[in-house]
Amino acid sequence: MRAVLRAMAVPEGVVGDAVTIVSELAANAFVHGFDDQSPDAPPELVMYRRDVEIVTKVFDSAPWIGRLPRRCVRPDLYAESGRGLEMVNALTAEHGGSWGVHRTRSRLSAAAVSGKVAYFALPIPEPHPVVRSAPDCRTAGRVLEAALMARGLKPVHRCEGLGMAVLSVRPEITVFARQGGFSLTTPLTGTVRYPLAEVVEVSEVVVWCNEELDAG
């Protein structure tokens, strides 16, 4: 992570804090959830760029325990442990970022396994204009379809025509890919638009919504 952020010209102070955050989240995945995790889906670390942010996610397949209320971040004054998430909260806030926990599926295991990620997102500088080439809408639709099927969302129904691609993940989740970008509609998010270059982010949101709907 340090190498990636330095390559993106992120200031050293932010790099150090990001390494501290990911270390805490990774430690939590092993210390608090490792015994309950699926042997077929060990913890995973994923990093990707989302517009002008770098997003880092630590996956584990331990059972979902619910969203974390912000008031529970700070432990009792005399507690001997449990201050890790308070630190995560403080460091992300200091740099104008965000963090949280949500349901998802594994990426790297042979068969996609349900679990959760603890994530954080930090702004990154853009000292020089960055040209991020976007695929045409049909290619973007096919790439997104492949990404979703690799995460165990099958079948995904895709059709193409009239300068667009349409993906039906399930009756409640539909994605339109047009030259102007993706348009994702789910009961949890409403309709949200994304650039075509944001295939990873769209797939992450779709997987999250699918897991929430499966959980009822």
Protein backbone atom coordinates (compact mmCIF):
# COMPACT_ATOMS: atom_id res chain seq x y z
CA MET A 1 0.00 0.00 0.00
CA ARG A 2 2.84 2.35 0.82
CA ALA A 3 4.38 1.78 -2.63
CA VAL A 4 1.08 2.37 -4.45
CA LEU A 5 0.32 5.62 -2.63
CA ARG A 6 3.82 6.95 -3.10
CA ALA A 7 3.56 6.24 -6.82
CA MET A 8 0.40 8.40 -6.84
CA ALA A 9 2.29 11.29 -5.20
CA VAL A 10 0.27 11.05 -1.99
CA PRO A 11 1.94 13.08 0.81
CA GLU A 12 3.97 11.01 3.27
CA GLY A 13 1.77 11.98 6.21
CA VAL A 14 -1.28 10.55 4.46
CA VAL A 15 0.67 7.46 3.37
CA GLY A 16 1.71 6.72 6.95
CA ASP A 17 -1.81 7.14 8.27
CA ALA A 18 -3.25 4.96 5.50
CA VAL A 19 -0.79 2.19 6.34
CA THR A 20 -1.82 2.47 9.99
CA ILE A 21 -5.50 2.22 9.08
CA VAL A 22 -5.12 -0.81 6.82
CA SER A 23 -2.93 -2.51 9.43
CA GLU A 24 -5.69 -2.08 12.01
CA LEU A 25 -8.42 -3.39 9.71
CA ALA A 26 -6.30 -6.36 8.65
CA ALA A 27 -5.47 -7.17 12.27
CA ASN A 28 -9.19 -7.12 13.11
CA ALA A 29 -9.92 -9.56 10.29
CA PHE A 30 -7.42 -12.05 11.69
CA VAL A 31 -7.78 -11.50 15.43
CA HIS A 32 -11.56 -11.19 15.70
CA GLY A 33 -12.84 -13.20 12.77
CA PHE A 34 -10.26 -15.71 11.65
CA ASP A 35 -11.62 -18.71 13.59
CA ASP A 36 -15.11 -18.11 12.18
CA GLN A 37 -14.04 -17.67 8.58
CA SER A 38 -14.55 -20.11 5.75
CA PRO A 39 -11.34 -22.07 5.10
CA ASP A 40 -11.98 -21.58 1.39
CA ALA A 41 -11.95 -17.78 1.63
CA PRO A 42 -9.07 -16.31 3.65
CA PRO A 43 -8.87 -12.55 4.26
CA GLU A 44 -8.28 -10.36 1.20
CA LEU A 45 -6.94 -6.87 0.63
CA VAL A 46 -8.29 -4.87 -2.31
CA MET A 47 -7.29 -1.36 -3.44
CA TYR A 48 -8.74 0.59 -6.35
CA ARG A 49 -9.11 4.14 -7.53
CA ARG A 50 -12.52 5.80 -7.48
CA ASP A 51 -12.44 9.21 -9.15
CA VAL A 52 -10.12 11.25 -6.88
CA GLU A 53 -10.10 8.73 -4.02
CA ILE A 54 -8.18 5.57 -3.27
CA VAL A 55 -10.45 2.91 -1.78
CA THR A 56 -9.04 0.11 0.38
CA LYS A 57 -11.11 -2.87 1.51
CA VAL A 58 -10.23 -5.71 3.87
CA PHE A 59 -12.46 -8.75 3.32
CA ASP A 60 -13.22 -11.55 5.74
CA SER A 61 -15.77 -14.34 5.56
CA ALA A 62 -16.71 -14.34 9.27
CA PRO A 63 -20.47 -13.98 9.95
CA TRP A 64 -22.09 -10.59 9.53
CA ILE A 65 -22.63 -8.90 12.88
CA GLY A 66 -24.43 -5.79 11.67
CA ARG A 67 -23.48 -2.23 10.86
CA LEU A 68 -21.28 -0.49 13.36
CA PRO A 69 -23.02 2.42 15.16
CA ARG A 70 -20.68 5.40 15.27
CA ARG A 71 -21.35 5.84 18.99
CA CYS A 72 -19.71 2.43 19.61
CA VAL A 73 -16.38 3.48 18.09
CA ARG A 74 -15.11 4.94 21.36
CA PRO A 75 -14.64 2.31 24.09
CA ASP A 76 -15.02 2.76 27.80
CA LEU A 77 -12.34 5.01 29.31
CA TYR A 78 -10.73 2.15 31.25
CA ALA A 79 -10.98 -0.52 28.53
CA GLU A 80 -7.67 -2.24 27.80
CA SER A 81 -8.40 -2.71 24.09
CA GLY A 82 -10.92 -1.77 21.43
CA ARG A 83 -9.52 1.59 20.36
CA GLY A 84 -8.57 0.53 16.84
CA LEU A 85 -11.76 1.69 15.16
CA GLU A 86 -11.63 4.96 17.09
CA MET A 87 -8.23 5.49 15.48
CA VAL A 88 -9.57 4.54 12.04
CA ASN A 89 -12.42 7.01 12.50
CA ALA A 90 -10.09 9.82 13.59
CA LEU A 91 -7.50 9.33 10.85
CA THR A 92 -10.00 9.11 7.99
CA ALA A 93 -11.80 12.21 9.29
CA GLU A 94 -8.50 14.10 9.54
CA HIS A 95 -7.83 13.56 5.84
CA GLY A 96 -11.40 14.15 4.67
CA GLY A 97 -12.07 10.50 3.97
CA SER A 98 -14.72 7.96 4.92
CA TRP A 99 -14.91 4.41 6.27
CA GLY A 100 -17.40 1.73 7.16
CA VAL A 101 -18.41 -1.93 6.92
CA HIS A 102 -20.70 -3.64 4.43
CA ARG A 103 -21.65 -7.08 3.12
CA THR A 104 -19.91 -8.41 0.04
CA ARG A 105 -18.41 -11.52 -1.55
CA SER A 106 -14.82 -12.70 -1.86
CA ARG A 107 -12.79 -11.99 -4.98
CA LEU A 108 -9.85 -14.40 -4.88
CA SER A 109 -11.28 -17.69 -3.63
CA ALA A 110 -12.12 -20.45 -6.10
CA ALA A 111 -15.82 -20.04 -5.33
CA ALA A 112 -17.16 -16.65 -4.27
CA VAL A 113 -17.99 -16.71 -0.55
CA SER A 114 -20.27 -14.30 1.28
CA GLY A 115 -18.67 -12.10 3.91
CA LYS A 116 -17.99 -8.48 4.70
CA VAL A 117 -15.43 -5.74 4.15
CA ALA A 118 -14.17 -3.02 6.39
CA TYR A 119 -13.20 -0.21 4.05
CA PHE A 120 -11.82 3.31 3.98
CA ALA A 121 -11.48 5.89 1.24
CA LEU A 122 -8.99 8.76 1.20
CA PRO A 123 -8.69 11.66 -1.25
CA ILE A 124 -5.59 11.56 -3.46
CA PRO A 125 -3.91 14.53 -5.15
CA GLU A 126 -3.84 14.93 -8.91
CA PRO A 127 -0.82 17.14 -9.58
CA HIS A 128 -1.06 16.46 -13.31
CA PRO A 129 -4.08 15.78 -15.52
CA VAL A 130 -4.74 12.07 -15.66
CA VAL A 131 -6.33 10.62 -18.77
CA ARG A 132 -8.42 7.65 -17.72
CA SER A 133 -9.48 5.90 -20.87
CA ALA A 134 -12.99 4.54 -20.70
CA PRO A 135 -14.19 1.58 -22.76
CA ASP A 136 -17.14 1.88 -25.12
CA CYS A 137 -20.45 1.10 -23.47
CA ARG A 138 -20.80 -2.42 -24.85
CA THR A 139 -17.30 -3.40 -23.79
CA ALA A 140 -17.92 -1.87 -20.37
CA GLY A 141 -21.10 -3.91 -20.05
CA ARG A 142 -19.26 -7.13 -20.90
CA VAL A 143 -16.44 -6.37 -18.46
CA LEU A 144 -18.97 -5.66 -15.71
CA GLU A 145 -20.86 -8.86 -16.49
CA ALA A 146 -17.65 -10.90 -16.23
CA ALA A 147 -16.75 -9.21 -12.93
CA LEU A 148 -20.16 -9.96 -11.42
CA MET A 149 -20.21 -13.57 -12.57
CA ALA A 150 -16.72 -14.06 -11.11
CA ARG A 151 -18.19 -13.00 -7.75
CA GLY A 152 -20.90 -15.66 -7.99
CA LEU A 153 -23.78 -13.54 -9.29
CA LYS A 154 -25.27 -15.90 -11.88
CA PRO A 155 -26.96 -15.71 -14.22
CA VAL A 156 -26.50 -12.11 -15.31
CA HIS A 157 -28.66 -11.31 -18.33
CA ARG A 158 -27.10 -8.88 -20.80
CA CYS A 159 -28.49 -7.45 -24.02
CA GLU A 160 -27.02 -4.92 -26.42
CA GLY A 161 -28.51 -2.54 -28.94
CA LEU A 162 -29.31 1.09 -29.73
CA GLY A 163 -25.91 2.24 -28.49
CA MET A 164 -26.20 0.69 -25.05
CA ALA A 165 -25.84 -2.49 -23.02
CA VAL A 166 -28.33 -3.52 -20.35
CA LEU A 167 -27.54 -5.93 -17.50
CA SER A 168 -30.25 -7.47 -15.36
CA VAL A 169 -28.63 -8.92 -12.26
CA ARG A 170 -31.95 -9.77 -10.57
CA PRO A 171 -35.40 -8.16 -10.81
CA GLU A 172 -34.37 -5.46 -8.34
CA ILE A 173 -30.94 -4.61 -9.84
CA THR A 174 -30.48 -3.25 -13.36
CA VAL A 175 -27.49 -1.56 -14.99
CA PHE A 176 -27.59 0.50 -18.20
CA ALA A 177 -24.26 1.16 -19.90
CA ARG A 178 -24.38 4.07 -22.31
CA GLN A 179 -21.62 6.23 -23.77
CA GLY A 180 -22.37 8.78 -21.05
CA GLY A 181 -21.70 6.23 -18.29
CA PHE A 182 -23.34 3.56 -16.17
CA SER A 183 -26.79 4.03 -14.66
CA LEU A 184 -27.37 1.63 -11.75
CA THR A 185 -30.81 1.18 -10.19
CA THR A 186 -31.35 -0.75 -6.95
CA PRO A 187 -33.89 -0.47 -4.13
CA LEU A 188 -31.07 0.42 -1.73
CA THR A 189 -29.45 3.22 -3.74
CA GLY A 190 -32.12 4.44 -6.14
CA THR A 191 -30.66 5.36 -9.52
CA VAL A 192 -27.00 6.39 -9.45
CA ARG A 193 -24.76 7.29 -12.40
CA TYR A 194 -21.08 6.38 -12.72
CA PRO A 195 -18.44 7.00 -15.41
CA LEU A 196 -17.73 3.99 -17.64
CA ALA A 197 -14.21 3.85 -16.20
CA GLU A 198 -15.68 3.00 -12.76
CA VAL A 199 -16.39 -0.67 -13.52
CA VAL A 200 -14.84 -1.81 -10.23
CA GLU A 201 -16.91 0.59 -8.16
CA VAL A 202 -20.14 -0.38 -9.94
CA SER A 203 -19.42 -4.07 -9.42
CA GLU A 204 -18.73 -3.44 -5.72
CA VAL A 205 -22.05 -1.63 -5.27
CA VAL A 206 -23.96 -4.32 -7.16
CA VAL A 207 -22.42 -7.13 -5.07
CA TRP A 208 -23.16 -5.23 -1.85
CA CYS A 209 -26.81 -4.63 -2.83
CA ASN A 210 -27.22 -8.25 -3.93
CA GLU A 211 -25.91 -9.52 -0.59
CA GLU A 212 -28.21 -7.19 1.33
CA LEU A 213 -31.23 -8.36 -0.66
CA ASP A 214 -30.27 -12.02 -0.16
CA ALA A 215 -30.02 -11.38 3.58
CA GLY A 216 -33.57 -10.04 3.57
